[in-house]
Amino acid sequence: MGNTDSTLSSGPSEASQHEDRFAVQGHRTLRRSQLIRRALIIRQVSQGRANPSEVWCNDKSCKQELEIFSNPLLHIADLPRSREGLPVAVYTKDFAGAVITKFFDVEDTNTKEHKVRGLLSFIDSPPVRAAFLNFISDYNEREYRLSDEDFQKALLKARPVFLDIMFGVKTAARARLAHSYINPMMEVRNKWDLQQFILRFLICSEMWRQQKTPRSENWKIGSREGVGNFMTAMLFHYKLMWQQKCFDSDFIRTNHVWDRVWGLWLRKYPLGDSDEVVDGEVFQLRDHIEKTEQEDLDDVGYLGGIGQCDETYNLIQGYLGKGEPLVE
């Protein structure tokens, strides 16, 4: 019996040793995967991916703004053509071109194309698309079904509230208010009205636009009124594209898939010269050019969804061409 006891207590079994080796190997594999992903994110951040350490509220310990850039679980991607059979890529390019024409004094074709490309990288970016999908999901769930005119009125009503939150003195109370729109609890969101859903899109998109990245120089609009005009126009533009069946949605089941979404965006809009000089031409914000009061008023008029390719998508083209605001 003594020999038997000695044998049983002499050391770990072969099965136990195998399990230990497997656990160590699994830990090393996981650690290696984490290091590889970290290196990928660092490289992508250097090219313009959102930096989780950069926060609008200036509180380095803030974790709430990170949610704007984290895996959204669902993401929208462009379909090749809209319901009307038009190339989807044309819609957003037309919109970006209209924004550049409205806010910048650009005459050279190459210079304008460079500026349009820079702004497109924001309009088409993963955080903006994620913010829109959040908006349109809530909009459809509530069954708002507003006419385009009524939706424009809602945007106009939300715009000054958005500007006060994002461009007022950055107090702790204002930062808390902005943060309350990022990812509210379901019981809070259930009490929201349309304006608050609009504000959620605007605030999340603007926090991303203001982040200092290698691309942020190309995302400048000018005055705060211009920013408000552009942001609300961008939401209307996306909603019009949604109505035209321009998008498909897909699950982002893992962080690695989300990394690929960022990678596709970075390859679609490769980082170029961030200086606002192309072939010797310098961009000038229209806000900085001497204008009459009426021209100033026209420059902060509503933009809306622009599409030169088909009459069915020219809903706001008339407003833009006449220099009229969205709603009187």
Protein backbone atom coordinates (compact mmCIF):
# COMPACT_ATOMS: atom_id res chain seq x y z
CA MET A 1 0.00 0.00 0.00
CA GLY A 2 2.86 2.33 0.83
CA ASN A 3 4.34 1.92 -2.63
CA THR A 4 0.98 2.65 -4.18
CA ASP A 5 0.61 5.90 -2.20
CA SER A 6 4.12 6.94 -3.21
CA THR A 7 3.30 6.35 -6.85
CA LEU A 8 0.09 8.40 -6.70
CA SER A 9 1.77 11.40 -5.10
CA SER A 10 5.02 11.35 -7.04
CA GLY A 11 4.02 14.17 -9.45
CA PRO A 12 1.49 15.48 -11.97
CA SER A 13 -0.07 13.01 -14.35
CA GLU A 14 0.73 12.96 -18.04
CA ALA A 15 -2.75 14.33 -18.79
CA SER A 16 -2.21 17.21 -16.37
CA GLN A 17 1.15 18.06 -17.94
CA HIS A 18 -0.47 18.06 -21.38
CA GLU A 19 -3.19 20.42 -20.18
CA ASP A 20 -0.60 22.77 -18.70
CA ARG A 21 1.38 22.83 -21.96
CA PHE A 22 -1.84 23.48 -23.89
CA ALA A 23 -2.76 26.36 -21.56
CA VAL A 24 0.67 27.97 -21.94
CA GLN A 25 0.55 27.58 -25.72
CA GLY A 26 -2.96 29.05 -25.82
CA HIS A 27 -1.86 32.01 -23.73
CA ARG A 28 1.10 32.65 -26.04
CA THR A 29 -1.12 32.44 -29.12
CA LEU A 30 -3.63 34.87 -27.61
CA ARG A 31 -0.86 37.25 -26.57
CA ARG A 32 0.68 37.13 -30.04
CA SER A 33 -2.72 37.83 -31.62
CA GLN A 34 -3.22 40.81 -29.30
CA LEU A 35 0.20 42.23 -30.15
CA ILE A 36 -0.40 41.82 -33.88
CA ARG A 37 -3.76 43.60 -33.62
CA ARG A 38 -2.26 46.37 -31.51
CA ALA A 39 0.45 46.94 -34.14
CA LEU A 40 -2.23 47.02 -36.86
CA ILE A 41 -4.30 49.61 -34.98
CA ILE A 42 -1.24 51.78 -34.33
CA ARG A 43 -0.41 51.68 -38.05
CA GLN A 44 -4.01 52.48 -39.01
CA VAL A 45 -4.18 55.37 -36.51
CA SER A 46 -1.03 56.82 -38.10
CA GLN A 47 -2.94 56.81 -41.41
CA GLY A 48 -6.10 58.42 -40.03
CA ARG A 49 -8.09 55.82 -38.10
CA ALA A 50 -9.75 57.23 -34.98
CA ASN A 51 -7.34 57.49 -32.06
CA PRO A 52 -8.93 56.18 -28.84
CA SER A 53 -6.62 58.38 -26.76
CA GLU A 54 -7.92 61.58 -28.41
CA VAL A 55 -11.07 62.90 -26.72
CA TRP A 56 -13.19 65.96 -27.48
CA CYS A 57 -13.91 66.61 -23.79
CA ASN A 58 -10.16 66.86 -22.96
CA ASP A 59 -10.55 64.36 -20.11
CA LYS A 60 -7.87 61.75 -20.81
CA SER A 61 -9.64 59.26 -18.54
CA CYS A 62 -12.86 59.51 -20.57
CA LYS A 63 -14.08 56.16 -21.88
CA GLN A 64 -17.45 57.29 -23.26
CA GLU A 65 -16.16 58.79 -26.50
CA LEU A 66 -14.36 55.53 -27.28
CA GLU A 67 -17.79 54.04 -27.97
CA ILE A 68 -18.12 56.24 -31.06
CA PHE A 69 -15.21 54.37 -32.64
CA SER A 70 -15.72 50.87 -31.26
CA ASN A 71 -17.16 47.86 -33.07
CA PRO A 72 -20.76 48.89 -33.93
CA LEU A 73 -21.97 45.28 -34.51
CA LEU A 74 -23.79 46.46 -37.66
CA HIS A 75 -22.33 48.45 -40.53
CA ILE A 76 -23.61 49.78 -43.85
CA ALA A 77 -21.84 49.28 -47.16
CA ASP A 78 -22.60 50.75 -50.57
CA LEU A 79 -24.48 48.69 -53.11
CA PRO A 80 -23.21 49.07 -56.70
CA ARG A 81 -26.36 50.92 -57.82
CA SER A 82 -29.35 52.64 -56.29
CA ARG A 83 -33.01 51.74 -56.72
CA GLU A 84 -33.01 54.00 -59.78
CA GLY A 85 -30.06 52.13 -61.31
CA LEU A 86 -27.57 54.94 -60.69
CA PRO A 87 -23.99 54.33 -59.49
CA VAL A 88 -24.06 54.83 -55.72
CA ALA A 89 -20.59 56.39 -55.67
CA VAL A 90 -21.90 59.35 -57.67
CA TYR A 91 -24.34 60.42 -54.96
CA THR A 92 -21.77 61.14 -52.28
CA LYS A 93 -19.23 62.59 -54.71
CA ASP A 94 -21.85 65.06 -55.98
CA PHE A 95 -22.69 66.01 -52.41
CA ALA A 96 -19.03 66.56 -51.47
CA GLY A 97 -18.53 68.64 -54.61
CA ALA A 98 -21.51 70.82 -53.70
CA VAL A 99 -20.10 71.37 -50.20
CA ILE A 100 -16.71 72.42 -51.57
CA THR A 101 -18.33 74.80 -54.06
CA LYS A 102 -20.45 76.30 -51.28
CA PHE A 103 -17.73 76.89 -48.71
CA PHE A 104 -14.46 77.27 -50.62
CA ASP A 105 -13.14 79.59 -53.28
CA VAL A 106 -11.68 76.98 -55.63
CA GLU A 107 -11.32 77.59 -59.35
CA ASP A 108 -8.69 75.10 -60.48
CA THR A 109 -10.24 71.73 -61.37
CA ASN A 110 -7.40 69.65 -59.90
CA THR A 111 -7.47 71.67 -56.71
CA LYS A 112 -11.20 71.21 -56.32
CA GLU A 113 -10.93 67.48 -56.98
CA HIS A 114 -8.27 67.19 -54.27
CA LYS A 115 -10.49 69.02 -51.79
CA VAL A 116 -13.55 66.95 -52.71
CA ARG A 117 -11.54 63.77 -52.18
CA GLY A 118 -10.44 64.94 -48.75
CA LEU A 119 -13.97 65.75 -47.62
CA LEU A 120 -15.27 62.49 -49.07
CA SER A 121 -12.99 60.62 -46.70
CA PHE A 122 -14.95 62.11 -43.80
CA ILE A 123 -18.45 61.72 -45.25
CA ASP A 124 -17.69 58.10 -46.13
CA SER A 125 -15.83 57.24 -42.91
CA PRO A 126 -16.76 54.30 -40.62
CA PRO A 127 -17.81 56.47 -37.61
CA VAL A 128 -20.17 58.58 -39.74
CA ARG A 129 -21.72 55.49 -41.29
CA ALA A 130 -22.10 53.88 -37.86
CA ALA A 131 -23.75 57.06 -36.53
CA PHE A 132 -26.16 57.12 -39.45
CA LEU A 133 -27.10 53.47 -39.01
CA ASN A 134 -27.87 54.19 -35.35
CA PHE A 135 -30.05 57.09 -36.44
CA ILE A 136 -31.95 55.36 -39.21
CA SER A 137 -32.54 52.26 -37.06
CA ASP A 138 -34.19 54.38 -34.37
CA TYR A 139 -36.03 56.46 -36.98
CA ASN A 140 -37.53 53.36 -38.58
CA GLU A 141 -38.28 51.70 -35.25
CA ARG A 142 -40.29 54.76 -34.20
CA GLU A 143 -42.03 54.78 -37.60
CA TYR A 144 -41.63 58.54 -37.99
CA ARG A 145 -42.18 58.56 -41.77
CA LEU A 146 -41.71 62.32 -42.10
CA SER A 147 -41.97 63.97 -45.47
CA ASP A 148 -38.71 65.40 -46.77
CA GLU A 149 -39.97 68.90 -45.98
CA ASP A 150 -40.86 68.02 -42.38
CA PHE A 151 -37.53 66.25 -41.91
CA GLN A 152 -35.75 69.38 -43.14
CA LYS A 153 -37.65 71.42 -40.56
CA ALA A 154 -36.56 68.98 -37.84
CA LEU A 155 -32.93 69.38 -38.93
CA LEU A 156 -33.22 73.16 -38.87
CA LYS A 157 -34.68 73.03 -35.36
CA ALA A 158 -31.89 70.75 -34.08
CA ARG A 159 -29.03 72.74 -35.62
CA PRO A 160 -28.72 75.58 -33.03
CA VAL A 161 -28.92 73.05 -30.17
CA PHE A 162 -26.10 71.06 -31.76
CA LEU A 163 -23.98 74.19 -32.24
CA ASP A 164 -24.45 75.26 -28.63
CA ILE A 165 -23.40 71.85 -27.32
CA MET A 166 -20.36 71.43 -29.56
CA PHE A 167 -19.15 75.03 -29.90
CA GLY A 168 -20.20 76.65 -26.64
CA VAL A 169 -17.76 77.06 -23.76
CA LYS A 170 -16.61 73.52 -22.96
CA THR A 171 -17.80 73.27 -19.36
CA ALA A 172 -18.10 70.01 -17.43
CA ALA A 173 -21.88 70.26 -17.68
CA ARG A 174 -21.76 70.73 -21.46
CA ALA A 175 -19.36 67.78 -21.82
CA ARG A 176 -21.72 65.60 -19.77
CA LEU A 177 -24.61 66.69 -21.98
CA ALA A 178 -22.68 65.80 -25.13
CA HIS A 179 -21.69 62.44 -23.67
CA SER A 180 -25.31 61.67 -22.81
CA TYR A 181 -26.05 61.36 -26.54
CA ILE A 182 -23.30 58.85 -27.38
CA ASN A 183 -24.73 55.58 -26.10
CA PRO A 184 -27.75 56.17 -23.85
CA MET A 185 -29.42 53.38 -21.92
CA MET A 186 -32.47 51.89 -23.59
CA GLU A 187 -34.86 53.31 -20.99
CA VAL A 188 -33.46 56.78 -21.71
CA ARG A 189 -33.60 56.36 -25.48
CA ASN A 190 -37.19 55.18 -25.27
CA LYS A 191 -38.13 58.67 -24.02
CA TRP A 192 -36.32 60.50 -26.82
CA ASP A 193 -37.99 62.39 -29.63
CA LEU A 194 -36.73 62.90 -33.19
CA GLN A 195 -34.57 65.91 -32.30
CA GLN A 196 -32.55 63.87 -29.83
CA PHE A 197 -31.91 61.13 -32.38
CA ILE A 198 -30.76 63.80 -34.83
CA LEU A 199 -28.50 65.32 -32.18
CA ARG A 200 -26.96 61.93 -31.48
CA PHE A 201 -25.86 61.64 -35.11
CA LEU A 202 -24.60 65.22 -35.26
CA ILE A 203 -22.66 65.08 -31.98
CA CYS A 204 -20.99 61.72 -32.63
CA SER A 205 -20.01 62.77 -36.16
CA GLU A 206 -18.69 66.15 -35.00
CA MET A 207 -16.57 64.61 -32.22
CA TRP A 208 -14.96 62.49 -34.93
CA ARG A 209 -14.53 65.46 -37.30
CA GLN A 210 -12.78 67.47 -34.59
CA GLN A 211 -10.34 64.71 -33.72
CA LYS A 212 -6.77 65.57 -34.70
CA THR A 213 -5.75 63.07 -37.36
CA PRO A 214 -3.52 63.20 -40.45
CA ARG A 215 -6.73 63.95 -42.38
CA SER A 216 -8.38 66.57 -40.19
CA GLU A 217 -7.02 69.52 -42.21
CA ASN A 218 -9.13 68.32 -45.13
CA TRP A 219 -12.24 68.23 -42.95
CA LYS A 220 -12.31 71.91 -42.02
CA ILE A 221 -15.43 73.78 -43.06
CA GLY A 222 -14.95 77.24 -41.60
CA SER A 223 -17.49 78.95 -39.39
CA ARG A 224 -19.57 77.13 -36.78
CA GLU A 225 -22.67 77.99 -38.81
CA GLY A 226 -21.05 76.34 -41.81
CA VAL A 227 -20.31 73.23 -39.77
CA GLY A 228 -23.92 73.07 -38.59
CA ASN A 229 -25.12 73.48 -42.14
CA PHE A 230 -22.78 70.79 -43.45
CA MET A 231 -23.54 68.28 -40.71
CA THR A 232 -27.32 68.53 -41.01
CA ALA A 233 -27.01 68.41 -44.79
CA MET A 234 -24.91 65.26 -44.48
CA LEU A 235 -27.61 63.54 -42.42
CA PHE A 236 -30.26 64.53 -44.95
CA HIS A 237 -27.99 63.30 -47.74
CA TYR A 238 -27.59 59.89 -46.07
CA LYS A 239 -31.33 59.63 -45.45
CA LEU A 240 -32.05 60.34 -49.12
CA MET A 241 -29.53 57.66 -50.10
CA TRP A 242 -31.25 55.24 -47.72
CA GLN A 243 -34.58 55.99 -49.41
CA GLN A 244 -32.92 55.29 -52.76
CA LYS A 245 -31.83 51.83 -51.52
CA CYS A 246 -28.13 52.66 -51.84
CA PHE A 247 -26.97 50.60 -48.85
CA ASP A 248 -26.70 47.08 -47.56
CA SER A 249 -26.00 46.26 -43.92
CA ASP A 250 -23.87 43.51 -42.46
CA PHE A 251 -22.81 42.25 -39.05
CA ILE A 252 -19.43 43.19 -37.61
CA ARG A 253 -19.11 40.06 -35.50
CA THR A 254 -15.53 40.53 -34.32
CA ASN A 255 -13.04 43.32 -33.78
CA HIS A 256 -10.96 41.87 -36.62
CA VAL A 257 -13.82 42.48 -39.04
CA TRP A 258 -14.08 46.07 -37.76
CA ASP A 259 -10.33 46.44 -38.36
CA ARG A 260 -10.91 45.34 -41.96
CA VAL A 261 -13.65 47.96 -42.37
CA TRP A 262 -11.15 50.62 -41.31
CA GLY A 263 -8.53 49.09 -43.58
CA LEU A 264 -10.85 49.25 -46.59
CA TRP A 265 -11.58 52.90 -45.86
CA LEU A 266 -7.88 53.73 -45.52
CA ARG A 267 -7.12 52.05 -48.85
CA LYS A 268 -10.06 53.76 -50.55
CA TYR A 269 -8.78 57.15 -49.37
CA PRO A 270 -4.99 56.79 -49.18
CA LEU A 271 -3.27 59.39 -47.09
CA GLY A 272 -1.82 62.10 -49.31
CA ASP A 273 -0.42 65.54 -48.78
CA SER A 274 -2.46 67.10 -45.97
CA ASP A 275 -1.34 70.61 -46.92
CA GLU A 276 -4.04 72.64 -48.59
CA VAL A 277 -1.84 73.33 -51.60
CA VAL A 278 -2.16 71.52 -54.92
CA ASP A 279 -0.06 72.51 -57.94
CA GLY A 280 0.66 75.87 -56.38
CA GLU A 281 -2.99 76.67 -55.69
CA VAL A 282 -3.98 77.53 -52.12
CA PHE A 283 -7.43 76.81 -50.71
CA GLN A 284 -9.28 79.74 -49.20
CA LEU A 285 -12.33 79.34 -47.03
CA ARG A 286 -15.16 81.46 -48.36
CA ASP A 287 -15.58 82.67 -44.78
CA HIS A 288 -12.22 84.42 -45.18
CA ILE A 289 -13.02 86.11 -48.48
CA GLU A 290 -14.53 89.57 -48.50
CA LYS A 291 -18.26 89.20 -49.19
CA THR A 292 -21.49 91.12 -48.89
CA GLU A 293 -23.91 90.34 -46.06
CA GLN A 294 -26.22 88.59 -48.52
CA GLU A 295 -23.37 86.39 -49.77
CA ASP A 296 -22.53 85.53 -46.17
CA LEU A 297 -26.16 84.55 -45.61
CA ASP A 298 -26.18 82.44 -48.76
CA ASP A 299 -23.04 80.61 -47.68
CA VAL A 300 -24.72 79.24 -44.56
CA GLY A 301 -27.90 78.30 -46.39
CA TYR A 302 -28.92 74.68 -46.49
CA LEU A 303 -27.08 72.22 -48.72
CA GLY A 304 -29.00 68.97 -48.52
CA GLY A 305 -28.58 65.83 -50.62
CA ILE A 306 -27.17 66.70 -54.00
CA GLY A 307 -27.31 64.58 -57.13
CA GLN A 308 -26.67 65.94 -60.60
CA CYS A 309 -27.09 62.56 -62.26
CA ASP A 310 -30.86 62.16 -62.11
CA GLU A 311 -33.96 64.23 -61.45
CA THR A 312 -35.19 61.80 -58.82
CA TYR A 313 -32.28 62.80 -56.58
CA ASN A 314 -32.30 66.53 -57.25
CA LEU A 315 -34.63 67.29 -54.35
CA ILE A 316 -32.35 69.96 -52.85
CA GLN A 317 -30.52 71.05 -56.00
CA GLY A 318 -32.95 73.95 -56.40
CA TYR A 319 -32.29 75.21 -52.88
CA LEU A 320 -28.56 75.15 -53.47
CA GLY A 321 -28.71 76.78 -56.88
CA LYS A 322 -30.81 79.68 -55.61
CA GLY A 323 -28.76 80.08 -52.46
CA GLU A 324 -31.89 79.68 -50.34
CA PRO A 325 -31.93 78.30 -46.80
CA LEU A 326 -33.51 74.95 -46.06
CA VAL A 327 -36.72 76.31 -44.57
CA GLU A 328 -37.93 79.87 -44.35
